[in-house]
Full PDB file with SEQRES, HELIX, SHEET, SSBOND, CRYST1, ORIGX, SCALE, CONECT and MASTER records, all heavy atoms in Angstrom:
SEQRES   1 A   32  VAL ARG GLN MET ILE VAL ALA HIS ASN PHE ALA PRO GLY          
SEQRES   2 A   32  ASN ALA GLY ILE TYR PHE TRP PHE ASP ILE ILE VAL PRO          
SEQRES   3 A   32  VAL ALA LEU ILE LEU LEU                                      
HELIX    1 AA1 ARG A    2  VAL A    6  1                                   5    
HELIX    2 AA2 PRO A   12  ALA A   15  1                                   4    
HELIX    3 AA3 ILE A   17  LEU A   31  1                                  15    
CRYST1    1.000    1.000    1.000  90.00  90.00  90.00 P 1           1          
ORIGX1      1.000000  0.000000  0.000000        0.00000                         
ORIGX2      0.000000  1.000000  0.000000        0.00000                         
ORIGX3      0.000000  0.000000  1.000000        0.00000                         
SCALE1      1.000000  0.000000  0.000000        0.00000                         
SCALE2      0.000000  1.000000  0.000000        0.00000                         
SCALE3      0.000000  0.000000  1.000000        0.00000                         
ATOM      1  N   VAL A   1       5.632 -12.188   7.100  1.00  0.00           N  
ATOM      2  CA  VAL A   1       6.179 -13.421   7.675  1.00  0.00           C  
ATOM      3  C   VAL A   1       6.671 -13.159   9.093  1.00  0.00           C  
ATOM      4  O   VAL A   1       6.405 -13.938  10.017  1.00  0.00           O  
ATOM      5  CB  VAL A   1       7.315 -13.995   6.793  1.00  0.00           C  
ATOM      6  CG1 VAL A   1       8.054 -15.110   7.513  1.00  0.00           C  
ATOM      7  CG2 VAL A   1       6.760 -14.485   5.464  1.00  0.00           C  
ATOM      8  N   ARG A   2       7.374 -12.062   9.258  1.00  0.00           N  
ATOM      9  CA  ARG A   2       7.872 -11.711  10.595  1.00  0.00           C  
ATOM     10  C   ARG A   2       6.711 -11.582  11.579  1.00  0.00           C  
ATOM     11  O   ARG A   2       6.787 -12.082  12.702  1.00  0.00           O  
ATOM     12  CB  ARG A   2       8.672 -10.412  10.533  1.00  0.00           C  
ATOM     13  CG  ARG A   2       9.309 -10.037  11.841  1.00  0.00           C  
ATOM     14  CD  ARG A   2      10.222  -8.813  11.675  1.00  0.00           C  
ATOM     15  NE  ARG A   2      10.883  -8.514  12.917  1.00  0.00           N  
ATOM     16  CZ  ARG A   2      10.336  -7.839  13.941  1.00  0.00           C  
ATOM     17  NH1 ARG A   2       9.099  -7.407  13.845  1.00  0.00           N  
ATOM     18  NH2 ARG A   2      11.023  -7.614  15.037  1.00  0.00           N  
ATOM     19  N   GLN A   3       5.641 -10.930  11.169  1.00  0.00           N  
ATOM     20  CA  GLN A   3       4.477 -10.783  12.034  1.00  0.00           C  
ATOM     21  C   GLN A   3       3.818 -12.129  12.341  1.00  0.00           C  
ATOM     22  O   GLN A   3       3.339 -12.355  13.452  1.00  0.00           O  
ATOM     23  CB  GLN A   3       3.446  -9.839  11.389  1.00  0.00           C  
ATOM     24  CG  GLN A   3       3.800  -8.387  11.494  1.00  0.00           C  
ATOM     25  CD  GLN A   3       3.749  -7.937  12.946  1.00  0.00           C  
ATOM     26  OE1 GLN A   3       2.711  -8.015  13.595  1.00  0.00           O  
ATOM     27  NE2 GLN A   3       4.878  -7.489  13.450  1.00  0.00           N  
ATOM     28  N   MET A   4       3.809 -13.036  11.355  1.00  0.00           N  
ATOM     29  CA  MET A   4       3.242 -14.369  11.594  1.00  0.00           C  
ATOM     30  C   MET A   4       4.072 -15.127  12.627  1.00  0.00           C  
ATOM     31  O   MET A   4       3.520 -15.795  13.504  1.00  0.00           O  
ATOM     32  CB  MET A   4       3.171 -15.156  10.286  1.00  0.00           C  
ATOM     33  CG  MET A   4       2.076 -14.706   9.350  1.00  0.00           C  
ATOM     34  SD  MET A   4       2.028 -15.738   7.875  1.00  0.00           S  
ATOM     35  CE  MET A   4       2.419 -14.542   6.606  1.00  0.00           C  
ATOM     36  N   ILE A   5       5.403 -15.009  12.529  1.00  0.00           N  
ATOM     37  CA  ILE A   5       6.284 -15.744  13.429  1.00  0.00           C  
ATOM     38  C   ILE A   5       6.357 -15.094  14.805  1.00  0.00           C  
ATOM     39  O   ILE A   5       6.153 -15.759  15.827  1.00  0.00           O  
ATOM     40  CB  ILE A   5       7.704 -15.875  12.820  1.00  0.00           C  
ATOM     41  CG1 ILE A   5       7.641 -16.751  11.567  1.00  0.00           C  
ATOM     42  CG2 ILE A   5       8.695 -16.418  13.837  1.00  0.00           C  
ATOM     43  CD1 ILE A   5       8.906 -16.734  10.732  1.00  0.00           C  
ATOM     44  N   VAL A   6       6.638 -13.812  14.853  1.00  0.00           N  
ATOM     45  CA  VAL A   6       6.883 -13.113  16.119  1.00  0.00           C  
ATOM     46  C   VAL A   6       5.589 -12.817  16.874  1.00  0.00           C  
ATOM     47  O   VAL A   6       5.505 -13.044  18.082  1.00  0.00           O  
ATOM     48  CB  VAL A   6       7.671 -11.802  15.879  1.00  0.00           C  
ATOM     49  CG1 VAL A   6       7.793 -10.979  17.138  1.00  0.00           C  
ATOM     50  CG2 VAL A   6       9.041 -12.120  15.305  1.00  0.00           C  
ATOM     51  N   ALA A   7       4.585 -12.308  16.166  1.00  0.00           N  
ATOM     52  CA  ALA A   7       3.358 -11.859  16.836  1.00  0.00           C  
ATOM     53  C   ALA A   7       2.193 -12.836  16.640  1.00  0.00           C  
ATOM     54  O   ALA A   7       1.091 -12.562  17.102  1.00  0.00           O  
ATOM     55  CB  ALA A   7       2.968 -10.472  16.326  1.00  0.00           C  
ATOM     56  N   HIS A   8       2.429 -13.951  15.943  1.00  0.00           N  
ATOM     57  CA  HIS A   8       1.367 -14.922  15.652  1.00  0.00           C  
ATOM     58  C   HIS A   8       0.169 -14.216  15.007  1.00  0.00           C  
ATOM     59  O   HIS A   8      -0.974 -14.520  15.308  1.00  0.00           O  
ATOM     60  CB  HIS A   8       0.957 -15.697  16.906  1.00  0.00           C  
ATOM     61  CG  HIS A   8       2.111 -16.348  17.588  1.00  0.00           C  
ATOM     62  ND1 HIS A   8       2.740 -17.445  17.061  1.00  0.00           N  
ATOM     63  CD2 HIS A   8       2.774 -16.020  18.732  1.00  0.00           C  
ATOM     64  CE1 HIS A   8       3.748 -17.785  17.850  1.00  0.00           C  
ATOM     65  NE2 HIS A   8       3.791 -16.930  18.860  1.00  0.00           N  
ATOM     66  N   ASN A   9       0.484 -13.271  14.097  1.00  0.00           N  
ATOM     67  CA  ASN A   9      -0.537 -12.465  13.437  1.00  0.00           C  
ATOM     68  C   ASN A   9      -0.948 -13.149  12.137  1.00  0.00           C  
ATOM     69  O   ASN A   9      -0.252 -13.056  11.128  1.00  0.00           O  
ATOM     70  CB  ASN A   9      -0.009 -11.059  13.163  1.00  0.00           C  
ATOM     71  CG  ASN A   9      -1.003 -10.182  12.444  1.00  0.00           C  
ATOM     72  OD1 ASN A   9      -2.080 -10.610  12.071  1.00  0.00           O  
ATOM     73  ND2 ASN A   9      -0.630  -8.935  12.240  1.00  0.00           N  
ATOM     74  N   PHE A  10      -2.077 -13.837  12.199  1.00  0.00           N  
ATOM     75  CA  PHE A  10      -2.611 -14.505  11.021  1.00  0.00           C  
ATOM     76  C   PHE A  10      -3.916 -13.856  10.565  1.00  0.00           C  
ATOM     77  O   PHE A  10      -4.766 -14.502   9.960  1.00  0.00           O  
ATOM     78  CB  PHE A  10      -2.794 -16.006  11.293  1.00  0.00           C  
ATOM     79  CG  PHE A  10      -1.478 -16.707  11.456  1.00  0.00           C  
ATOM     80  CD1 PHE A  10      -0.915 -16.869  12.713  1.00  0.00           C  
ATOM     81  CD2 PHE A  10      -0.780 -17.159  10.357  1.00  0.00           C  
ATOM     82  CE1 PHE A  10       0.311 -17.495  12.870  1.00  0.00           C  
ATOM     83  CE2 PHE A  10       0.458 -17.777  10.497  1.00  0.00           C  
ATOM     84  CZ  PHE A  10       1.000 -17.950  11.757  1.00  0.00           C  
ATOM     85  N   ALA A  11      -4.045 -12.554  10.846  1.00  0.00           N  
ATOM     86  CA  ALA A  11      -5.204 -11.793  10.390  1.00  0.00           C  
ATOM     87  C   ALA A  11      -5.257 -11.853   8.863  1.00  0.00           C  
ATOM     88  O   ALA A  11      -4.215 -11.924   8.202  1.00  0.00           O  
ATOM     89  CB  ALA A  11      -5.105 -10.344  10.870  1.00  0.00           C  
ATOM     90  N   PRO A  12      -6.463 -11.812   8.281  1.00  0.00           N  
ATOM     91  CA  PRO A  12      -6.578 -11.903   6.819  1.00  0.00           C  
ATOM     92  C   PRO A  12      -5.737 -10.870   6.066  1.00  0.00           C  
ATOM     93  O   PRO A  12      -5.192 -11.180   5.015  1.00  0.00           O  
ATOM     94  CB  PRO A  12      -8.073 -11.675   6.563  1.00  0.00           C  
ATOM     95  CG  PRO A  12      -8.735 -12.078   7.841  1.00  0.00           C  
ATOM     96  CD  PRO A  12      -7.760 -11.733   8.937  1.00  0.00           C  
ATOM     97  N   GLY A  13      -5.605  -9.674   6.601  1.00  0.00           N  
ATOM     98  CA  GLY A  13      -4.817  -8.642   5.938  1.00  0.00           C  
ATOM     99  C   GLY A  13      -3.320  -8.847   6.069  1.00  0.00           C  
ATOM    100  O   GLY A  13      -2.537  -8.178   5.402  1.00  0.00           O  
ATOM    101  N   ASN A  14      -2.903  -9.781   6.925  1.00  0.00           N  
ATOM    102  CA  ASN A  14      -1.481 -10.056   7.095  1.00  0.00           C  
ATOM    103  C   ASN A  14      -1.087 -11.397   6.471  1.00  0.00           C  
ATOM    104  O   ASN A  14      -0.038 -11.493   5.852  1.00  0.00           O  
ATOM    105  CB  ASN A  14      -1.094 -10.065   8.582  1.00  0.00           C  
ATOM    106  CG  ASN A  14       0.404 -10.133   8.765  1.00  0.00           C  
ATOM    107  OD1 ASN A  14       1.125  -9.220   8.387  1.00  0.00           O  
ATOM    108  ND2 ASN A  14       0.881 -11.234   9.321  1.00  0.00           N  
ATOM    109  N   ALA A  15      -1.923 -12.412   6.629  1.00  0.00           N  
ATOM    110  CA  ALA A  15      -1.539 -13.756   6.203  1.00  0.00           C  
ATOM    111  C   ALA A  15      -2.401 -14.307   5.076  1.00  0.00           C  
ATOM    112  O   ALA A  15      -2.195 -15.433   4.656  1.00  0.00           O  
ATOM    113  CB  ALA A  15      -1.603 -14.701   7.409  1.00  0.00           C  
ATOM    114  N   GLY A  16      -3.334 -13.524   4.582  1.00  0.00           N  
ATOM    115  CA  GLY A  16      -4.233 -14.005   3.541  1.00  0.00           C  
ATOM    116  C   GLY A  16      -3.766 -13.638   2.145  1.00  0.00           C  
ATOM    117  O   GLY A  16      -2.571 -13.669   1.831  1.00  0.00           O  
ATOM    118  N   ILE A  17      -4.713 -13.235   1.318  1.00  0.00           N  
ATOM    119  CA  ILE A  17      -4.452 -12.940  -0.088  1.00  0.00           C  
ATOM    120  C   ILE A  17      -3.398 -11.840  -0.266  1.00  0.00           C  
ATOM    121  O   ILE A  17      -2.606 -11.870  -1.207  1.00  0.00           O  
ATOM    122  CB  ILE A  17      -5.749 -12.581  -0.842  1.00  0.00           C  
ATOM    123  CG1 ILE A  17      -5.489 -12.471  -2.354  1.00  0.00           C  
ATOM    124  CG2 ILE A  17      -6.387 -11.333  -0.273  1.00  0.00           C  
ATOM    125  CD1 ILE A  17      -6.733 -12.286  -3.193  1.00  0.00           C  
ATOM    126  N   TYR A  18      -3.355 -10.883   0.654  1.00  0.00           N  
ATOM    127  CA  TYR A  18      -2.376  -9.792   0.528  1.00  0.00           C  
ATOM    128  C   TYR A  18      -0.950 -10.331   0.617  1.00  0.00           C  
ATOM    129  O   TYR A  18      -0.074  -9.893  -0.114  1.00  0.00           O  
ATOM    130  CB  TYR A  18      -2.615  -8.720   1.595  1.00  0.00           C  
ATOM    131  CG  TYR A  18      -3.898  -7.979   1.375  1.00  0.00           C  
ATOM    132  CD1 TYR A  18      -5.077  -8.382   1.988  1.00  0.00           C  
ATOM    133  CD2 TYR A  18      -3.947  -6.894   0.508  1.00  0.00           C  
ATOM    134  CE1 TYR A  18      -6.262  -7.716   1.758  1.00  0.00           C  
ATOM    135  CE2 TYR A  18      -5.135  -6.216   0.278  1.00  0.00           C  
ATOM    136  CZ  TYR A  18      -6.292  -6.637   0.904  1.00  0.00           C  
ATOM    137  OH  TYR A  18      -7.460  -5.976   0.663  1.00  0.00           O  
ATOM    138  N   PHE A  19      -0.728 -11.279   1.509  1.00  0.00           N  
ATOM    139  CA  PHE A  19       0.602 -11.887   1.636  1.00  0.00           C  
ATOM    140  C   PHE A  19       1.012 -12.547   0.321  1.00  0.00           C  
ATOM    141  O   PHE A  19       2.115 -12.328  -0.177  1.00  0.00           O  
ATOM    142  CB  PHE A  19       0.600 -12.898   2.789  1.00  0.00           C  
ATOM    143  CG  PHE A  19       1.827 -13.757   2.832  1.00  0.00           C  
ATOM    144  CD1 PHE A  19       3.057 -13.211   3.171  1.00  0.00           C  
ATOM    145  CD2 PHE A  19       1.759 -15.102   2.531  1.00  0.00           C  
ATOM    146  CE1 PHE A  19       4.200 -14.008   3.203  1.00  0.00           C  
ATOM    147  CE2 PHE A  19       2.890 -15.900   2.565  1.00  0.00           C  
ATOM    148  CZ  PHE A  19       4.121 -15.346   2.908  1.00  0.00           C  
ATOM    149  N   TRP A  20       0.119 -13.346  -0.229  1.00  0.00           N  
ATOM    150  CA  TRP A  20       0.449 -14.049  -1.471  1.00  0.00           C  
ATOM    151  C   TRP A  20       0.581 -13.093  -2.651  1.00  0.00           C  
ATOM    152  O   TRP A  20       1.457 -13.271  -3.500  1.00  0.00           O  
ATOM    153  CB  TRP A  20      -0.583 -15.152  -1.741  1.00  0.00           C  
ATOM    154  CG  TRP A  20      -0.471 -16.206  -0.680  1.00  0.00           C  
ATOM    155  CD1 TRP A  20      -1.341 -16.434   0.345  1.00  0.00           C  
ATOM    156  CD2 TRP A  20       0.607 -17.117  -0.513  1.00  0.00           C  
ATOM    157  NE1 TRP A  20      -0.858 -17.443   1.143  1.00  0.00           N  
ATOM    158  CE2 TRP A  20       0.342 -17.887   0.633  1.00  0.00           C  
ATOM    159  CE3 TRP A  20       1.791 -17.372  -1.218  1.00  0.00           C  
ATOM    160  CZ2 TRP A  20       1.199 -18.880   1.087  1.00  0.00           C  
ATOM    161  CZ3 TRP A  20       2.644 -18.362  -0.760  1.00  0.00           C  
ATOM    162  CH2 TRP A  20       2.346 -19.104   0.374  1.00  0.00           C  
ATOM    163  N   PHE A  21      -0.262 -12.084  -2.699  1.00  0.00           N  
ATOM    164  CA  PHE A  21      -0.157 -11.054  -3.735  1.00  0.00           C  
ATOM    165  C   PHE A  21       1.222 -10.397  -3.681  1.00  0.00           C  
ATOM    166  O   PHE A  21       1.854 -10.177  -4.722  1.00  0.00           O  
ATOM    167  CB  PHE A  21      -1.257 -10.001  -3.525  1.00  0.00           C  
ATOM    168  CG  PHE A  21      -1.254  -8.892  -4.554  1.00  0.00           C  
ATOM    169  CD1 PHE A  21      -2.027  -8.988  -5.688  1.00  0.00           C  
ATOM    170  CD2 PHE A  21      -0.496  -7.740  -4.370  1.00  0.00           C  
ATOM    171  CE1 PHE A  21      -2.046  -7.963  -6.635  1.00  0.00           C  
ATOM    172  CE2 PHE A  21      -0.496  -6.717  -5.303  1.00  0.00           C  
ATOM    173  CZ  PHE A  21      -1.277  -6.840  -6.444  1.00  0.00           C  
ATOM    174  N   ASP A  22       1.694 -10.090  -2.471  1.00  0.00           N  
ATOM    175  CA  ASP A  22       2.981  -9.414  -2.275  1.00  0.00           C  
ATOM    176  C   ASP A  22       4.160 -10.240  -2.780  1.00  0.00           C  
ATOM    177  O   ASP A  22       5.235  -9.683  -3.030  1.00  0.00           O  
ATOM    178  CB  ASP A  22       3.191  -9.079  -0.793  1.00  0.00           C  
ATOM    179  CG  ASP A  22       2.268  -7.987  -0.291  1.00  0.00           C  
ATOM    180  OD1 ASP A  22       1.511  -7.415  -1.098  1.00  0.00           O  
ATOM    181  OD2 ASP A  22       2.308  -7.718   0.926  1.00  0.00           O  
ATOM    182  N   ILE A  23       3.970 -11.530  -2.936  1.00  0.00           N  
ATOM    183  CA  ILE A  23       5.034 -12.399  -3.452  1.00  0.00           C  
ATOM    184  C   ILE A  23       4.823 -12.716  -4.933  1.00  0.00           C  
ATOM    185  O   ILE A  23       5.720 -12.541  -5.757  1.00  0.00           O  
ATOM    186  CB  ILE A  23       5.106 -13.717  -2.645  1.00  0.00           C  
ATOM    187  CG1 ILE A  23       5.483 -13.427  -1.191  1.00  0.00           C  
ATOM    188  CG2 ILE A  23       6.092 -14.698  -3.286  1.00  0.00           C  
ATOM    189  CD1 ILE A  23       5.327 -14.608  -0.267  1.00  0.00           C  
ATOM    190  N   ILE A  24       3.631 -13.174  -5.261  1.00  0.00           N  
ATOM    191  CA  ILE A  24       3.364 -13.684  -6.615  1.00  0.00           C  
ATOM    192  C   ILE A  24       3.456 -12.597  -7.678  1.00  0.00           C  
ATOM    193  O   ILE A  24       4.079 -12.800  -8.726  1.00  0.00           O  
ATOM    194  CB  ILE A  24       1.989 -14.393  -6.662  1.00  0.00           C  
ATOM    195  CG1 ILE A  24       2.040 -15.660  -5.809  1.00  0.00           C  
ATOM    196  CG2 ILE A  24       1.577 -14.696  -8.095  1.00  0.00           C  
ATOM    197  CD1 ILE A  24       0.684 -16.290  -5.552  1.00  0.00           C  
ATOM    198  N   VAL A  25       2.861 -11.438  -7.435  1.00  0.00           N  
ATOM    199  CA  VAL A  25       2.819 -10.408  -8.485  1.00  0.00           C  
ATOM    200  C   VAL A  25       4.216  -9.861  -8.805  1.00  0.00           C  
ATOM    201  O   VAL A  25       4.573  -9.792  -9.988  1.00  0.00           O  
ATOM    202  CB  VAL A  25       1.795  -9.304  -8.152  1.00  0.00           C  
ATOM    203  CG1 VAL A  25       1.868  -8.167  -9.158  1.00  0.00           C  
ATOM    204  CG2 VAL A  25       0.387  -9.889  -8.121  1.00  0.00           C  
ATOM    205  N   PRO A  26       5.044  -9.495  -7.817  1.00  0.00           N  
ATOM    206  CA  PRO A  26       6.387  -9.019  -8.187  1.00  0.00           C  
ATOM    207  C   PRO A  26       7.205 -10.079  -8.937  1.00  0.00           C  
ATOM    208  O   PRO A  26       7.862  -9.758  -9.929  1.00  0.00           O  
ATOM    209  CB  PRO A  26       7.044  -8.682  -6.847  1.00  0.00           C  
ATOM    210  CG  PRO A  26       5.938  -8.506  -5.891  1.00  0.00           C  
ATOM    211  CD  PRO A  26       4.807  -9.367  -6.372  1.00  0.00           C  
ATOM    212  N   VAL A  27       7.125 -11.320  -8.486  1.00  0.00           N  
ATOM    213  CA  VAL A  27       7.876 -12.386  -9.163  1.00  0.00           C  
ATOM    214  C   VAL A  27       7.371 -12.551 -10.598  1.00  0.00           C  
ATOM    215  O   VAL A  27       8.168 -12.658 -11.536  1.00  0.00           O  
ATOM    216  CB  VAL A  27       7.794 -13.708  -8.367  1.00  0.00           C  
ATOM    217  CG1 VAL A  27       8.337 -14.879  -9.173  1.00  0.00           C  
ATOM    218  CG2 VAL A  27       8.538 -13.573  -7.035  1.00  0.00           C  
ATOM    219  N   ALA A  28       6.056 -12.533 -10.790  1.00  0.00           N  
ATOM    220  CA  ALA A  28       5.492 -12.660 -12.140  1.00  0.00           C  
ATOM    221  C   ALA A  28       5.905 -11.487 -13.028  1.00  0.00           C  
ATOM    222  O   ALA A  28       6.266 -11.679 -14.202  1.00  0.00           O  
ATOM    223  CB  ALA A  28       3.964 -12.764 -12.066  1.00  0.00           C  
ATOM    224  N   LEU A  29       5.873 -10.270 -12.484  1.00  0.00           N  
ATOM    225  CA  LEU A  29       6.286  -9.099 -13.267  1.00  0.00           C  
ATOM    226  C   LEU A  29       7.753  -9.198 -13.676  1.00  0.00           C  
ATOM    227  O   LEU A  29       8.103  -8.896 -14.819  1.00  0.00           O  
ATOM    228  CB  LEU A  29       6.061  -7.813 -12.466  1.00  0.00           C  
ATOM    229  CG  LEU A  29       4.618  -7.376 -12.257  1.00  0.00           C  
ATOM    230  CD1 LEU A  29       4.550  -6.230 -11.258  1.00  0.00           C  
ATOM    231  CD2 LEU A  29       3.976  -6.987 -13.578  1.00  0.00           C  
ATOM    232  N   ILE A  30       8.592  -9.600 -12.753  1.00  0.00           N  
ATOM    233  CA  ILE A  30      10.024  -9.749 -13.050  1.00  0.00           C  
ATOM    234  C   ILE A  30      10.221 -10.776 -14.160  1.00  0.00           C  
ATOM    235  O   ILE A  30      10.967 -10.541 -15.132  1.00  0.00           O  
ATOM    236  CB  ILE A  30      10.824 -10.101 -11.776  1.00  0.00           C  
ATOM    237  CG1 ILE A  30      10.809  -8.927 -10.800  1.00  0.00           C  
ATOM    238  CG2 ILE A  30      12.244 -10.535 -12.124  1.00  0.00           C  
ATOM    239  CD1 ILE A  30      11.254  -9.275  -9.375  1.00  0.00           C  
ATOM    240  N   LEU A  31       9.543 -11.919 -14.041  1.00  0.00           N  
ATOM    241  CA  LEU A  31       9.680 -12.963 -15.056  1.00  0.00           C  
ATOM    242  C   LEU A  31       9.150 -12.504 -16.412  1.00  0.00           C  
ATOM    243  O   LEU A  31       9.781 -12.749 -17.441  1.00  0.00           O  
ATOM    244  CB  LEU A  31       8.955 -14.229 -14.612  1.00  0.00           C  
ATOM    245  CG  LEU A  31       9.596 -14.987 -13.452  1.00  0.00           C  
ATOM    246  CD1 LEU A  31       8.703 -16.127 -12.983  1.00  0.00           C  
ATOM    247  CD2 LEU A  31      10.985 -15.491 -13.828  1.00  0.00           C  
ATOM    248  N   LEU A  32       8.006 -11.823 -16.415  1.00  0.00           N  
ATOM    249  CA  LEU A  32       7.470 -11.296 -17.681  1.00  0.00           C  
ATOM    250  C   LEU A  32       8.450 -10.321 -18.320  1.00  0.00           C  
ATOM    251  O   LEU A  32       8.671 -10.356 -19.542  1.00  0.00           O  
ATOM    252  CB  LEU A  32       6.137 -10.588 -17.443  1.00  0.00           C  
ATOM    253  CG  LEU A  32       4.900 -11.456 -17.328  1.00  0.00           C  
ATOM    254  CD1 LEU A  32       3.718 -10.656 -16.804  1.00  0.00           C  
ATOM    255  CD2 LEU A  32       4.560 -12.085 -18.673  1.00  0.00           C  
TER     256      LEU A  32                                                      
MASTER        0    0    0    3    0    0    0    6  255    1    0    3          
END                                                                             
């Protein structure tokens, strides 16, 4: 998020599936 805001970095490895994976999977594991 910081890179998206500060550096306008919307490269696929920064703002794509990896970003969402980094949020969704830990939250899902915690809930499980």
